[in-house]
Amino acid sequence: MPASTLQGTVSHYQQTTETSGFINQGQGQISTAQVLVFRVNNKPVSFKSSGGGSIGNGDQVTVIGSDKEGTFQATCMRNDSTGAVFYALVTPQYVGGVAGLLLGIPLSFALIGIPIVLLAAYLIYWGRNNANANKMLDATRAMGAIPAHAT
């Protein structure tokens, strides 16, 4: 689904922590992310971030993302009131995608590499979508969408 822009005033702000992963016999990996849930112009917005977010009720924000089941899933965000910017990650997806291609293409002849190549292609696609969302966020600044008092 193509990304779109949502701008307005934050209300109903809440922050939670999402934990995922596994531990098996003392080994494993656990990851946590901050999930910011709020409304912009009464539209529900969800934004996951590894480092939290600097927003609050009444702040003016610009979010880039897409609608999913009635909630705007933000990919990247800027607090226009404070100037804080939260870009989507791009480098890990590109690095994982290239590494997967380098590993998967030679293994494709043994068929085991085909799922690796497909995963690598998805990672590159995901990274490209994130890069486009970041560019859209920067373009809103270039178009003068940020109020004069926020710069």
N, C-alpha and C. Protein backbone atom coordinates (compact mmCIF):
# COMPACT_ATOMS: atom_id res chain seq x y z
N MET A 1 0.84 -1.18 0.00
CA MET A 1 0.00 0.00 0.00
C MET A 1 0.89 1.24 0.00
N PRO A 2 0.58 2.23 -0.83
CA PRO A 2 1.42 3.42 -0.91
C PRO A 2 1.34 4.25 0.37
N ALA A 3 2.44 4.89 0.66
CA ALA A 3 2.51 5.72 1.86
C ALA A 3 1.78 7.03 1.64
N SER A 4 1.23 7.57 2.72
CA SER A 4 0.57 8.87 2.67
C SER A 4 1.01 9.69 3.87
N THR A 5 0.66 10.97 3.83
CA THR A 5 1.07 11.90 4.86
C THR A 5 -0.13 12.30 5.71
N LEU A 6 0.08 12.38 7.02
CA LEU A 6 -0.94 12.83 7.94
C LEU A 6 -0.32 13.90 8.82
N GLN A 7 -0.94 15.07 8.87
CA GLN A 7 -0.42 16.17 9.68
C GLN A 7 -1.52 16.70 10.58
N GLY A 8 -1.15 17.10 11.77
CA GLY A 8 -2.13 17.69 12.66
C GLY A 8 -1.67 17.69 14.10
N THR A 9 -2.64 17.80 15.00
CA THR A 9 -2.40 17.92 16.43
C THR A 9 -2.56 16.57 17.12
N VAL A 10 -1.62 16.24 18.00
CA VAL A 10 -1.64 14.99 18.76
C VAL A 10 -2.63 15.10 19.91
N SER A 11 -3.43 14.03 20.07
CA SER A 11 -4.29 13.91 21.24
C SER A 11 -4.33 12.44 21.66
N HIS A 12 -4.81 12.17 22.86
CA HIS A 12 -4.95 10.80 23.37
C HIS A 12 -3.62 10.03 23.33
N TYR A 13 -2.52 10.69 23.64
CA TYR A 13 -1.19 10.07 23.55
C TYR A 13 -0.99 9.02 24.64
N GLN A 14 -0.49 7.85 24.24
CA GLN A 14 -0.11 6.78 25.16
C GLN A 14 1.18 6.14 24.65
N GLN A 15 1.98 5.64 25.57
CA GLN A 15 3.21 4.94 25.19
C GLN A 15 3.27 3.62 25.92
N THR A 16 3.53 2.55 25.17
CA THR A 16 3.66 1.22 25.76
C THR A 16 4.95 0.59 25.26
N THR A 17 5.32 -0.51 25.87
CA THR A 17 6.51 -1.26 25.45
C THR A 17 6.07 -2.61 24.92
N GLU A 18 6.62 -2.98 23.77
CA GLU A 18 6.33 -4.28 23.16
C GLU A 18 7.60 -5.13 23.24
N THR A 19 7.48 -6.30 23.82
CA THR A 19 8.61 -7.21 23.97
C THR A 19 8.35 -8.46 23.16
N SER A 20 9.38 -8.90 22.42
CA SER A 20 9.23 -10.13 21.63
C SER A 20 10.56 -10.87 21.63
N GLY A 21 10.51 -12.14 21.31
CA GLY A 21 11.71 -12.96 21.24
C GLY A 21 11.51 -14.29 21.93
N PHE A 22 12.61 -14.94 22.24
CA PHE A 22 12.53 -16.26 22.87
C PHE A 22 13.79 -16.50 23.70
N ILE A 23 13.66 -17.38 24.67
CA ILE A 23 14.80 -17.88 25.44
C ILE A 23 14.60 -19.38 25.56
N ASN A 24 15.62 -20.13 25.21
CA ASN A 24 15.57 -21.58 25.27
C ASN A 24 16.87 -22.06 25.90
N GLN A 25 16.79 -22.67 27.05
CA GLN A 25 17.96 -23.19 27.78
C GLN A 25 19.01 -22.10 27.98
N GLY A 26 18.56 -20.93 28.38
CA GLY A 26 19.47 -19.83 28.67
C GLY A 26 19.97 -19.09 27.44
N GLN A 27 19.61 -19.51 26.26
CA GLN A 27 20.04 -18.86 25.03
C GLN A 27 18.82 -18.26 24.33
N GLY A 28 19.02 -17.18 23.65
CA GLY A 28 17.93 -16.59 22.89
C GLY A 28 18.13 -15.11 22.68
N GLN A 29 17.08 -14.50 22.21
CA GLN A 29 17.15 -13.08 21.92
C GLN A 29 15.81 -12.44 22.28
N ILE A 30 15.88 -11.36 23.01
CA ILE A 30 14.70 -10.60 23.38
C ILE A 30 14.88 -9.19 22.83
N SER A 31 13.85 -8.66 22.20
CA SER A 31 13.92 -7.28 21.73
C SER A 31 12.70 -6.51 22.24
N THR A 32 12.91 -5.24 22.46
CA THR A 32 11.82 -4.39 22.92
C THR A 32 11.70 -3.20 21.99
N ALA A 33 10.49 -2.70 21.87
CA ALA A 33 10.23 -1.50 21.08
C ALA A 33 9.20 -0.67 21.82
N GLN A 34 9.32 0.62 21.67
CA GLN A 34 8.33 1.53 22.22
C GLN A 34 7.22 1.68 21.18
N VAL A 35 5.99 1.56 21.60
CA VAL A 35 4.85 1.75 20.70
C VAL A 35 4.11 2.99 21.17
N LEU A 36 4.09 3.98 20.30
CA LEU A 36 3.38 5.22 20.58
C LEU A 36 2.02 5.14 19.90
N VAL A 37 0.97 5.34 20.66
CA VAL A 37 -0.39 5.31 20.13
C VAL A 37 -1.01 6.65 20.44
N PHE A 38 -1.54 7.30 19.42
CA PHE A 38 -2.13 8.62 19.61
C PHE A 38 -3.10 8.89 18.46
N ARG A 39 -3.70 10.04 18.49
CA ARG A 39 -4.59 10.44 17.41
C ARG A 39 -4.06 11.73 16.80
N VAL A 40 -4.21 11.84 15.48
CA VAL A 40 -3.91 13.06 14.76
C VAL A 40 -5.18 13.44 14.03
N ASN A 41 -5.74 14.58 14.40
CA ASN A 41 -7.02 15.01 13.83
C ASN A 41 -8.07 13.91 14.00
N ASN A 42 -8.05 13.29 15.16
CA ASN A 42 -8.98 12.22 15.56
C ASN A 42 -8.78 10.92 14.79
N LYS A 43 -7.68 10.77 14.04
CA LYS A 43 -7.35 9.54 13.32
C LYS A 43 -6.37 8.74 14.19
N PRO A 44 -6.68 7.48 14.55
CA PRO A 44 -5.76 6.67 15.36
C PRO A 44 -4.44 6.42 14.61
N VAL A 45 -3.34 6.60 15.32
CA VAL A 45 -2.00 6.42 14.76
C VAL A 45 -1.21 5.51 15.69
N SER A 46 -0.43 4.60 15.10
CA SER A 46 0.48 3.74 15.86
C SER A 46 1.87 3.89 15.26
N PHE A 47 2.87 4.08 16.13
CA PHE A 47 4.26 4.25 15.67
C PHE A 47 5.18 3.45 16.57
N LYS A 48 5.90 2.49 15.98
CA LYS A 48 6.88 1.70 16.73
C LYS A 48 8.25 2.32 16.58
N SER A 49 8.97 2.39 17.71
CA SER A 49 10.30 2.97 17.70
C SER A 49 11.17 2.23 18.70
N SER A 50 12.42 2.02 18.34
CA SER A 50 13.34 1.37 19.28
C SER A 50 13.80 2.34 20.35
N GLY A 51 13.68 3.64 20.10
CA GLY A 51 14.16 4.62 21.06
C GLY A 51 13.09 5.51 21.65
N GLY A 52 11.84 5.12 21.53
CA GLY A 52 10.78 5.96 22.07
C GLY A 52 10.47 7.11 21.12
N GLY A 53 9.77 8.09 21.62
CA GLY A 53 9.41 9.23 20.80
C GLY A 53 9.20 10.44 21.68
N SER A 54 9.49 11.57 21.13
CA SER A 54 9.37 12.81 21.88
C SER A 54 8.15 13.56 21.37
N ILE A 55 6.97 13.10 21.78
CA ILE A 55 5.74 13.81 21.44
C ILE A 55 4.84 13.84 22.66
N GLY A 56 3.87 14.71 22.61
CA GLY A 56 2.90 14.80 23.70
C GLY A 56 1.61 15.41 23.19
N ASN A 57 0.59 15.35 24.00
CA ASN A 57 -0.69 15.92 23.63
C ASN A 57 -0.52 17.40 23.27
N GLY A 58 -1.13 17.81 22.18
CA GLY A 58 -1.06 19.19 21.73
C GLY A 58 0.05 19.48 20.75
N ASP A 59 1.02 18.57 20.59
CA ASP A 59 2.10 18.78 19.63
C ASP A 59 1.57 18.68 18.20
N GLN A 60 2.19 19.45 17.31
CA GLN A 60 1.90 19.35 15.88
C GLN A 60 2.88 18.33 15.30
N VAL A 61 2.37 17.34 14.55
CA VAL A 61 3.23 16.30 13.99
C VAL A 61 2.93 16.09 12.52
N THR A 62 3.92 15.52 11.84
CA THR A 62 3.77 15.01 10.48
C THR A 62 4.18 13.55 10.53
N VAL A 63 3.29 12.66 10.10
CA VAL A 63 3.60 11.23 10.08
C VAL A 63 3.42 10.71 8.66
N ILE A 64 4.28 9.79 8.28
CA ILE A 64 4.22 9.14 6.98
C ILE A 64 3.95 7.67 7.25
N GLY A 65 2.99 7.09 6.54
CA GLY A 65 2.67 5.68 6.72
C GLY A 65 1.48 5.29 5.86
N SER A 66 0.75 4.30 6.34
CA SER A 66 -0.41 3.82 5.57
C SER A 66 -1.48 3.30 6.54
N ASP A 67 -2.71 3.30 6.05
CA ASP A 67 -3.84 2.80 6.83
C ASP A 67 -3.84 1.28 6.85
N LYS A 68 -4.09 0.73 8.02
CA LYS A 68 -4.25 -0.72 8.15
C LYS A 68 -5.34 -0.95 9.18
N GLU A 69 -6.46 -1.47 8.72
CA GLU A 69 -7.59 -1.80 9.58
C GLU A 69 -8.03 -0.62 10.44
N GLY A 70 -8.09 0.57 9.84
CA GLY A 70 -8.60 1.75 10.54
C GLY A 70 -7.58 2.52 11.36
N THR A 71 -6.36 2.02 11.45
CA THR A 71 -5.30 2.71 12.18
C THR A 71 -4.20 3.09 11.21
N PHE A 72 -3.72 4.31 11.33
CA PHE A 72 -2.62 4.79 10.49
C PHE A 72 -1.32 4.25 11.07
N GLN A 73 -0.66 3.34 10.36
CA GLN A 73 0.61 2.75 10.80
C GLN A 73 1.75 3.65 10.32
N ALA A 74 2.32 4.42 11.24
CA ALA A 74 3.36 5.39 10.89
C ALA A 74 4.69 4.69 10.66
N THR A 75 5.35 5.04 9.57
CA THR A 75 6.68 4.53 9.25
C THR A 75 7.75 5.45 9.80
N CYS A 76 7.53 6.76 9.65
CA CYS A 76 8.45 7.77 10.20
C CYS A 76 7.62 8.97 10.63
N MET A 77 8.23 9.82 11.45
CA MET A 77 7.45 10.89 12.07
C MET A 77 8.35 12.07 12.40
N ARG A 78 7.75 13.25 12.38
CA ARG A 78 8.45 14.46 12.83
C ARG A 78 7.52 15.22 13.76
N ASN A 79 8.05 15.65 14.89
CA ASN A 79 7.31 16.51 15.80
C ASN A 79 7.58 17.94 15.32
N ASP A 80 6.60 18.54 14.67
CA ASP A 80 6.79 19.88 14.12
C ASP A 80 6.85 20.94 15.20
N SER A 81 6.37 20.63 16.40
CA SER A 81 6.44 21.58 17.51
C SER A 81 7.84 21.68 18.08
N THR A 82 8.56 20.55 18.12
CA THR A 82 9.90 20.54 18.71
C THR A 82 11.01 20.36 17.70
N GLY A 83 10.68 19.84 16.51
CA GLY A 83 11.69 19.58 15.49
C GLY A 83 12.29 18.18 15.58
N ALA A 84 11.87 17.37 16.56
CA ALA A 84 12.40 16.00 16.69
C ALA A 84 11.93 15.16 15.49
N VAL A 85 12.87 14.42 14.89
CA VAL A 85 12.57 13.61 13.71
C VAL A 85 12.90 12.15 14.01
N PHE A 86 12.01 11.26 13.59
CA PHE A 86 12.19 9.82 13.80
C PHE A 86 12.09 9.14 12.45
N TYR A 87 13.25 8.90 11.84
CA TYR A 87 13.29 8.28 10.51
C TYR A 87 13.13 6.77 10.62
N ALA A 88 12.61 6.17 9.56
CA ALA A 88 12.54 4.71 9.46
C ALA A 88 13.93 4.17 9.16
N LEU A 89 14.22 2.99 9.70
CA LEU A 89 15.51 2.35 9.44
C LEU A 89 15.59 1.89 7.99
N VAL A 90 16.73 2.11 7.37
CA VAL A 90 16.93 1.72 5.98
C VAL A 90 18.15 0.80 5.86
N THR A 91 19.24 1.17 6.49
CA THR A 91 20.50 0.43 6.33
C THR A 91 20.40 -1.04 6.72
N PRO A 92 19.79 -1.42 7.85
CA PRO A 92 19.74 -2.85 8.18
C PRO A 92 19.02 -3.69 7.12
N GLN A 93 17.96 -3.13 6.53
CA GLN A 93 17.25 -3.88 5.50
C GLN A 93 18.10 -4.07 4.26
N TYR A 94 18.80 -3.00 3.85
CA TYR A 94 19.65 -3.10 2.67
C TYR A 94 20.81 -4.08 2.91
N VAL A 95 21.44 -3.97 4.07
CA VAL A 95 22.58 -4.87 4.38
C VAL A 95 22.10 -6.32 4.44
N GLY A 96 20.97 -6.55 5.11
CA GLY A 96 20.43 -7.92 5.17
C GLY A 96 20.04 -8.44 3.80
N GLY A 97 19.47 -7.57 2.98
CA GLY A 97 19.06 -7.97 1.63
C GLY A 97 20.25 -8.33 0.75
N VAL A 98 21.27 -7.51 0.77
CA VAL A 98 22.47 -7.80 -0.04
C VAL A 98 23.16 -9.05 0.46
N ALA A 99 23.29 -9.20 1.78
CA ALA A 99 23.91 -10.41 2.34
C ALA A 99 23.11 -11.65 1.95
N GLY A 100 21.78 -11.54 2.01
CA GLY A 100 20.94 -12.67 1.62
C GLY A 100 21.10 -13.03 0.15
N LEU A 101 21.21 -12.01 -0.70
CA LEU A 101 21.43 -12.29 -2.12
C LEU A 101 22.78 -12.95 -2.36
N LEU A 102 23.81 -12.45 -1.68
CA LEU A 102 25.14 -13.03 -1.85
C LEU A 102 25.20 -14.48 -1.38
N LEU A 103 24.43 -14.81 -0.36
CA LEU A 103 24.38 -16.17 0.14
C LEU A 103 23.41 -17.02 -0.66
N GLY A 104 22.25 -16.45 -0.98
CA GLY A 104 21.18 -17.23 -1.59
C GLY A 104 21.37 -17.56 -3.05
N ILE A 105 21.96 -16.66 -3.82
CA ILE A 105 22.11 -16.93 -5.26
C ILE A 105 22.96 -18.17 -5.51
N PRO A 106 24.14 -18.29 -4.90
CA PRO A 106 24.91 -19.51 -5.14
C PRO A 106 24.20 -20.78 -4.64
N LEU A 107 23.43 -20.65 -3.55
CA LEU A 107 22.73 -21.81 -3.01
C LEU A 107 21.43 -22.14 -3.76
N SER A 108 21.02 -21.27 -4.66
CA SER A 108 19.79 -21.50 -5.42
C SER A 108 19.87 -22.73 -6.29
N PHE A 109 21.06 -23.08 -6.70
CA PHE A 109 21.22 -24.27 -7.54
C PHE A 109 20.90 -25.54 -6.76
N ALA A 110 21.00 -25.46 -5.44
CA ALA A 110 20.64 -26.60 -4.59
C ALA A 110 19.24 -26.42 -4.01
N LEU A 111 18.48 -25.45 -4.50
CA LEU A 111 17.12 -25.12 -4.11
C LEU A 111 16.99 -24.51 -2.71
N ILE A 112 17.95 -24.72 -1.84
CA ILE A 112 17.87 -24.16 -0.49
C ILE A 112 18.00 -22.64 -0.52
N GLY A 113 18.63 -22.11 -1.57
CA GLY A 113 18.84 -20.67 -1.66
C GLY A 113 17.63 -19.88 -2.11
N ILE A 114 16.63 -20.55 -2.70
CA ILE A 114 15.47 -19.83 -3.22
C ILE A 114 14.73 -19.07 -2.12
N PRO A 115 14.42 -19.70 -0.96
CA PRO A 115 13.77 -18.91 0.10
C PRO A 115 14.66 -17.79 0.62
N ILE A 116 15.96 -18.00 0.63
CA ILE A 116 16.89 -16.96 1.09
C ILE A 116 16.85 -15.78 0.13
N VAL A 117 16.82 -16.05 -1.17
CA VAL A 117 16.75 -14.98 -2.18
C VAL A 117 15.43 -14.23 -2.05
N LEU A 118 14.34 -14.95 -1.83
CA LEU A 118 13.03 -14.30 -1.68
C LEU A 118 13.01 -13.41 -0.44
N LEU A 119 13.57 -13.89 0.66
CA LEU A 119 13.65 -13.08 1.87
C LEU A 119 14.53 -11.85 1.64
N ALA A 120 15.64 -12.03 0.94
CA ALA A 120 16.53 -10.91 0.64
C ALA A 120 15.82 -9.87 -0.21
N ALA A 121 15.07 -10.32 -1.20
CA ALA A 121 14.32 -9.39 -2.05
C ALA A 121 13.30 -8.62 -1.23
N TYR A 122 12.64 -9.29 -0.29
CA TYR A 122 11.67 -8.60 0.57
C TYR A 122 12.36 -7.56 1.44
N LEU A 123 13.53 -7.90 2.00
CA LEU A 123 14.26 -6.94 2.83
C LEU A 123 14.64 -5.69 2.03
N ILE A 124 15.08 -5.88 0.79
CA ILE A 124 15.43 -4.75 -0.06
C ILE A 124 14.18 -3.92 -0.37
N TYR A 125 13.07 -4.59 -0.65
CA TYR A 125 11.80 -3.90 -0.90
C TYR A 125 11.37 -3.09 0.32
N TRP A 126 11.48 -3.68 1.51
CA TRP A 126 11.13 -3.02 2.76
C TRP A 126 12.04 -1.79 2.98
N GLY A 127 13.34 -1.96 2.76
CA GLY A 127 14.27 -0.84 2.90
C GLY A 127 13.96 0.27 1.92
N ARG A 128 13.59 -0.09 0.70
CA ARG A 128 13.25 0.92 -0.31
C ARG A 128 11.99 1.69 0.11
N ASN A 129 10.99 0.98 0.62
CA ASN A 129 9.77 1.65 1.10
C ASN A 129 10.09 2.61 2.25
N ASN A 130 10.95 2.18 3.17
CA ASN A 130 11.35 3.05 4.27
C ASN A 130 12.10 4.28 3.78
N ALA A 131 12.99 4.08 2.80
CA ALA A 131 13.73 5.21 2.24
C ALA A 131 12.78 6.21 1.57
N ASN A 132 11.77 5.69 0.86
CA ASN A 132 10.79 6.57 0.23
C ASN A 132 9.97 7.33 1.27
N ALA A 133 9.61 6.66 2.37
CA ALA A 133 8.87 7.33 3.45
C ALA A 133 9.72 8.45 4.06
N ASN A 134 11.01 8.19 4.27
CA ASN A 134 11.90 9.22 4.80
C ASN A 134 11.99 10.42 3.86
N LYS A 135 12.04 10.15 2.55
CA LYS A 135 12.08 11.23 1.57
C LYS A 135 10.78 12.03 1.58
N MET A 136 9.65 11.33 1.74
CA MET A 136 8.37 12.03 1.82
C MET A 136 8.34 12.94 3.04
N LEU A 137 8.87 12.47 4.16
CA LEU A 137 8.91 13.29 5.37
C LEU A 137 9.76 14.53 5.16
N ASP A 138 10.92 14.35 4.53
CA ASP A 138 11.78 15.50 4.24
C ASP A 138 11.12 16.46 3.26
N ALA A 139 10.34 15.93 2.31
CA ALA A 139 9.68 16.78 1.32
C ALA A 139 8.63 17.68 1.97
N THR A 140 7.98 17.20 3.04
CA THR A 140 6.99 18.05 3.71
C THR A 140 7.67 19.26 4.34
N ARG A 141 8.90 19.09 4.79
CA ARG A 141 9.66 20.20 5.36
C ARG A 141 10.02 21.18 4.24
N ALA A 142 10.41 20.64 3.08
CA ALA A 142 10.81 21.48 1.95
C ALA A 142 9.63 22.27 1.40
N MET A 143 8.42 21.72 1.51
CA MET A 143 7.24 22.41 1.01
C MET A 143 6.74 23.46 1.99
N GLY A 144 7.41 23.60 3.12
CA GLY A 144 7.00 24.62 4.08
C GLY A 144 5.85 24.17 4.97
N ALA A 145 5.72 22.87 5.19
CA ALA A 145 4.62 22.37 6.00
C ALA A 145 4.84 22.64 7.48
N ILE A 146 6.08 22.90 7.89
CA ILE A 146 6.35 23.14 9.30
C ILE A 146 6.00 24.58 9.63
N PRO A 147 5.24 24.80 10.69
CA PRO A 147 4.93 26.18 11.08
C PRO A 147 6.20 26.97 11.37
N ALA A 148 6.14 28.26 11.16
CA ALA A 148 7.33 29.13 11.30
C ALA A 148 7.91 29.06 12.70
N HIS A 149 7.09 28.87 13.73
CA HIS A 149 7.61 28.87 15.11
C HIS A 149 8.38 27.59 15.44
N ALA A 150 8.26 26.53 14.62
CA ALA A 150 8.90 25.26 14.94
C ALA A 150 10.31 25.15 14.37
N THR A 151 10.73 26.06 13.51
CA THR A 151 12.06 25.92 12.92
C THR A 151 13.10 26.64 13.72
